[in-house]
Amino acid sequence: MNTRQQNLLKIITSQYIKTAQPVSSQFITDKGKFKLSSATIRNEMAELEAKGYISHPHTSAGRVPTERGYQYFVENFLEDLTLNKRQQDFLRKVSQPFSRFEPQVAKELAKSMAEFSNGAVFVAFSDNEFYYTGISYLFAQPEFFEHEVVYNLSQVIDHLDTVVNKIYDSVMPDIEIYIGSQNPFSNDCSVVITNYQVKGNSGVLGILGPTRMDYKNNASLIKYCQQLINNLN
């Protein structure tokens, strides 16, 4: 992929994450990021589509990222995982009443994370002690308006604890992102996941959302809350 195509993919993916609307070559031309003709931009987008990074919905002239496109975006464009100050301040206040770790602080942080991410958040305190929240935020995403998708995702929610139990020991302290077919929870969505270490014990913290989730914000949320929990005695 050449540099021009990389920049195009970044713009298409970022815009689609924000709006859930396919991105047209005309939008990119009007945005003025490229000093190129709309025909050249269309040709480059056709190349990205041929390589499997974007696709062309039948009902729109625009393009949307594919699973491969999201994967490339995550691997190449998430350099800085610093959470914005407003969210940092809010989450720090949530954790301040707790001088030491207890499940309730993780639950309170999870509720705030769900609101900030518009996704479902789960916390595992052990391989058989589990909490989740934010299901209404998840189902409010436009990807999940269709009955069949809602049914499939409901099955995922019903079996969250089973999947977490299976992967509990393999979750690492690094921020891990699994997209679509790589996601152990469901091919219809993505997950950002990590573990936390406190009092010599580990737990699991994750955000479940559409493949269109805001990966940078959600990875930054996970990282910051992991640090807050790890710093408790």
Protein backbone atom coordinates (compact mmCIF):
# COMPACT_ATOMS: atom_id res chain seq x y z
CA MET A 1 0.00 0.00 0.00
CA ASN A 2 1.47 3.37 -0.98
CA THR A 3 1.46 6.43 1.28
CA ARG A 4 -1.45 8.02 -0.56
CA GLN A 5 -3.56 4.91 -0.09
CA GLN A 6 -2.58 4.74 3.59
CA ASN A 7 -3.79 8.31 4.12
CA LEU A 8 -6.99 7.61 2.22
CA LEU A 9 -7.70 4.52 4.31
CA LYS A 10 -7.08 6.50 7.49
CA ILE A 11 -9.54 9.22 6.44
CA ILE A 12 -12.20 6.74 5.28
CA THR A 13 -11.95 4.68 8.45
CA SER A 14 -11.88 7.67 10.83
CA GLN A 15 -14.87 9.28 9.13
CA TYR A 16 -16.88 6.07 9.04
CA ILE A 17 -16.18 5.48 12.73
CA LYS A 18 -17.58 8.96 13.47
CA THR A 19 -20.68 8.88 11.28
CA ALA A 20 -21.52 5.26 10.36
CA GLN A 21 -22.06 6.62 6.83
CA PRO A 22 -20.15 5.38 3.75
CA VAL A 23 -17.45 7.81 2.67
CA SER A 24 -17.49 9.07 -0.93
CA SER A 25 -14.63 10.31 -3.10
CA GLN A 26 -16.49 13.62 -3.31
CA PHE A 27 -16.37 13.98 0.48
CA ILE A 28 -12.62 13.40 0.44
CA THR A 29 -12.17 15.90 -2.41
CA ASP A 30 -14.26 18.52 -0.58
CA LYS A 31 -12.34 17.92 2.65
CA GLY A 32 -9.23 19.18 0.86
CA LYS A 33 -6.78 16.73 2.43
CA PHE A 34 -5.45 15.71 -0.99
CA LYS A 35 -4.39 17.98 -3.83
CA LEU A 36 -5.70 15.43 -6.29
CA SER A 37 -8.55 15.27 -8.74
CA SER A 38 -11.66 13.37 -7.72
CA ALA A 39 -10.89 10.91 -10.55
CA THR A 40 -7.47 10.13 -9.06
CA ILE A 41 -9.02 9.68 -5.62
CA ARG A 42 -11.62 7.32 -7.10
CA ASN A 43 -8.85 5.30 -8.73
CA GLU A 44 -6.94 5.01 -5.45
CA MET A 45 -10.12 3.99 -3.65
CA ALA A 46 -10.71 1.35 -6.31
CA GLU A 47 -7.20 0.03 -5.59
CA LEU A 48 -7.95 -0.12 -1.86
CA GLU A 49 -11.16 -1.99 -2.63
CA ALA A 50 -9.35 -4.44 -4.91
CA LYS A 51 -6.85 -5.11 -2.12
CA GLY A 52 -9.66 -5.82 0.34
CA TYR A 53 -9.27 -2.82 2.66
CA ILE A 54 -12.59 -1.12 1.85
CA SER A 55 -15.88 -2.25 0.35
CA HIS A 56 -18.70 -0.68 -1.61
CA PRO A 57 -22.20 -1.09 -0.11
CA HIS A 58 -24.82 -1.67 -2.81
CA THR A 59 -27.02 1.14 -1.53
CA SER A 60 -24.33 3.84 -1.50
CA ALA A 61 -21.70 5.46 -3.70
CA GLY A 62 -19.36 5.61 -0.71
CA ARG A 63 -16.94 3.11 0.78
CA VAL A 64 -16.64 1.53 4.22
CA PRO A 65 -13.69 -0.24 5.87
CA THR A 66 -13.55 -4.02 5.77
CA GLU A 67 -12.26 -6.16 8.61
CA ARG A 68 -8.86 -6.06 6.91
CA GLY A 69 -9.09 -2.27 6.69
CA TYR A 70 -9.88 -1.93 10.39
CA GLN A 71 -7.00 -4.26 11.21
CA TYR A 72 -4.58 -2.13 9.20
CA PHE A 73 -5.97 1.02 10.85
CA VAL A 74 -5.46 -0.43 14.34
CA GLU A 75 -1.96 -1.70 13.61
CA ASN A 76 -0.71 1.51 11.98
CA PHE A 77 -2.65 4.53 13.24
CA LEU A 78 -3.11 4.09 17.01
CA GLU A 79 0.23 5.53 18.06
CA ASP A 80 -0.86 7.59 21.09
CA LEU A 81 -3.23 6.02 23.63
CA THR A 82 -3.50 9.06 25.90
CA LEU A 83 -7.06 9.51 27.11
CA ASN A 84 -8.49 13.01 26.86
CA LYS A 85 -8.31 15.08 30.04
CA ARG A 86 -12.08 15.31 30.60
CA GLN A 87 -12.42 11.54 30.70
CA GLN A 88 -9.26 11.16 32.79
CA ASP A 89 -10.58 13.60 35.39
CA PHE A 90 -13.98 11.92 35.52
CA LEU A 91 -12.59 8.40 35.90
CA ARG A 92 -10.09 9.50 38.52
CA LYS A 93 -12.95 11.00 40.57
CA VAL A 94 -14.87 7.73 40.24
CA SER A 95 -11.94 5.80 41.72
CA GLN A 96 -10.95 8.37 44.40
CA PRO A 97 -13.37 7.18 47.14
CA PHE A 98 -11.62 3.80 47.09
CA SER A 99 -8.28 3.66 48.92
CA ARG A 100 -7.80 -0.01 48.07
CA PHE A 101 -9.07 -2.38 45.43
CA GLU A 102 -12.49 -3.93 45.77
CA PRO A 103 -14.88 -5.17 43.08
CA GLN A 104 -17.10 -2.10 43.45
CA VAL A 105 -14.44 0.29 42.12
CA ALA A 106 -14.08 -1.81 38.96
CA LYS A 107 -17.86 -1.88 38.57
CA GLU A 108 -18.12 1.92 38.91
CA LEU A 109 -15.30 2.42 36.39
CA ALA A 110 -16.99 -0.04 34.04
CA LYS A 111 -20.23 1.98 34.10
CA SER A 112 -18.34 5.14 33.14
CA MET A 113 -16.36 3.30 30.47
CA ALA A 114 -19.60 2.03 28.92
CA GLU A 115 -20.92 5.57 28.68
CA PHE A 116 -17.69 6.94 27.18
CA SER A 117 -17.31 4.07 24.69
CA ASN A 118 -20.97 3.50 23.77
CA GLY A 119 -20.27 -0.19 24.21
CA ALA A 120 -20.64 -3.05 26.65
CA VAL A 121 -17.94 -3.31 29.32
CA PHE A 122 -17.09 -6.44 31.23
CA VAL A 123 -14.88 -7.08 34.24
CA ALA A 124 -13.75 -10.49 35.44
CA PHE A 125 -12.44 -10.63 39.00
CA SER A 126 -11.57 -14.32 38.64
CA ASP A 127 -12.35 -17.02 36.11
CA ASN A 128 -15.79 -17.46 37.67
CA GLU A 129 -16.67 -14.01 39.08
CA PHE A 130 -17.94 -11.65 36.42
CA TYR A 131 -19.71 -8.30 35.89
CA TYR A 132 -20.91 -6.50 32.78
CA THR A 133 -22.74 -3.26 31.97
CA GLY A 134 -23.59 -1.00 29.02
CA ILE A 135 -25.72 -3.40 26.98
CA SER A 136 -28.16 -0.60 26.09
CA TYR A 137 -25.30 1.48 24.66
CA LEU A 138 -24.21 -1.47 22.54
CA PHE A 139 -27.67 -2.18 21.15
CA ALA A 140 -28.14 1.52 20.33
CA GLN A 141 -25.41 1.31 17.66
CA PRO A 142 -26.83 1.35 14.10
CA GLU A 143 -25.05 -1.91 13.22
CA PHE A 144 -27.33 -3.74 15.64
CA PHE A 145 -30.73 -2.54 14.44
CA GLU A 146 -31.46 -5.68 12.39
CA HIS A 147 -33.33 -8.44 14.20
CA GLU A 148 -30.92 -11.23 13.25
CA VAL A 149 -27.87 -9.26 14.38
CA VAL A 150 -29.59 -8.36 17.66
CA TYR A 151 -30.42 -12.02 18.23
CA ASN A 152 -26.83 -13.11 17.53
CA LEU A 153 -25.44 -10.43 19.82
CA SER A 154 -27.90 -11.38 22.55
CA GLN A 155 -26.46 -14.89 22.37
CA VAL A 156 -22.99 -13.39 22.80
CA ILE A 157 -24.08 -11.44 25.89
CA ASP A 158 -25.70 -14.56 27.36
CA HIS A 159 -22.39 -16.42 27.03
CA LEU A 160 -19.93 -13.65 27.91
CA ASP A 161 -18.96 -15.38 31.13
CA THR A 162 -18.25 -18.66 29.32
CA VAL A 163 -15.92 -16.99 26.81
CA VAL A 164 -14.16 -14.95 29.49
CA ASN A 165 -13.63 -18.13 31.49
CA LYS A 166 -11.98 -19.77 28.45
CA ILE A 167 -9.63 -16.87 27.68
CA TYR A 168 -9.05 -15.65 31.25
CA ASP A 169 -5.54 -17.03 31.69
CA SER A 170 -4.37 -15.96 28.22
CA VAL A 171 -5.27 -12.25 28.48
CA MET A 172 -2.08 -10.20 28.73
CA PRO A 173 -1.29 -6.80 30.34
CA ASP A 174 -0.87 -5.30 26.86
CA ILE A 175 -3.93 -3.71 25.26
CA GLU A 176 -5.24 -6.30 22.80
CA ILE A 177 -7.75 -5.64 20.02
CA TYR A 178 -9.63 -8.43 18.25
CA ILE A 179 -11.71 -7.53 15.21
CA GLY A 180 -14.51 -9.51 13.58
CA SER A 181 -13.40 -13.07 12.81
CA GLN A 182 -10.49 -12.74 15.28
CA ASN A 183 -12.85 -11.87 18.13
CA PRO A 184 -13.41 -14.83 20.49
CA PHE A 185 -16.79 -13.38 21.50
CA SER A 186 -18.43 -12.85 18.09
CA ASN A 187 -17.59 -12.28 14.42
CA ASP A 188 -20.14 -9.44 14.38
CA CYS A 189 -18.18 -7.12 16.67
CA SER A 190 -14.79 -6.18 18.10
CA VAL A 191 -13.29 -6.26 21.57
CA VAL A 192 -10.58 -4.26 23.32
CA ILE A 193 -9.25 -6.24 26.25
CA THR A 194 -6.48 -6.33 28.85
CA ASN A 195 -5.78 -7.69 32.29
CA TYR A 196 -5.12 -5.84 35.52
CA GLN A 197 -2.88 -6.82 38.42
CA VAL A 198 -3.74 -5.99 42.00
CA LYS A 199 -2.85 -7.64 45.32
CA GLY A 200 -0.96 -10.31 43.44
CA ASN A 201 -4.10 -11.32 41.57
CA SER A 202 -5.12 -10.64 37.99
CA GLY A 203 -8.46 -9.81 36.41
CA VAL A 204 -9.79 -9.01 32.95
CA LEU A 205 -11.20 -5.74 31.63
CA GLY A 206 -12.80 -5.37 28.20
CA ILE A 207 -14.99 -3.28 25.90
CA LEU A 208 -17.25 -5.00 23.38
CA GLY A 209 -18.56 -2.94 20.47
CA PRO A 210 -19.22 -2.88 16.73
CA THR A 211 -16.31 -3.28 14.32
CA ARG A 212 -16.91 0.44 13.74
CA MET A 213 -15.98 1.22 17.36
CA ASP A 214 -13.68 4.14 18.15
CA TYR A 215 -10.58 2.01 18.66
CA LYS A 216 -8.30 4.83 19.79
CA ASN A 217 -10.72 6.11 22.42
CA ASN A 218 -11.63 2.64 23.65
CA ALA A 219 -8.03 1.44 23.84
CA SER A 220 -7.16 4.65 25.71
CA LEU A 221 -10.07 4.06 28.12
CA ILE A 222 -8.96 0.50 28.81
CA LYS A 223 -5.35 1.56 29.34
CA TYR A 224 -6.24 4.39 31.74
CA CYS A 225 -8.65 2.30 33.82
CA GLN A 226 -6.12 -0.52 33.94
CA GLN A 227 -3.61 1.95 35.41
CA LEU A 228 -6.14 3.26 37.95
CA ILE A 229 -6.91 -0.26 39.15
CA ASN A 230 -3.27 -1.37 39.18
CA ASN A 231 -2.37 1.62 41.37
CA LEU A 232 -4.83 0.61 44.11
CA ASN A 233 -3.37 -1.37 47.00
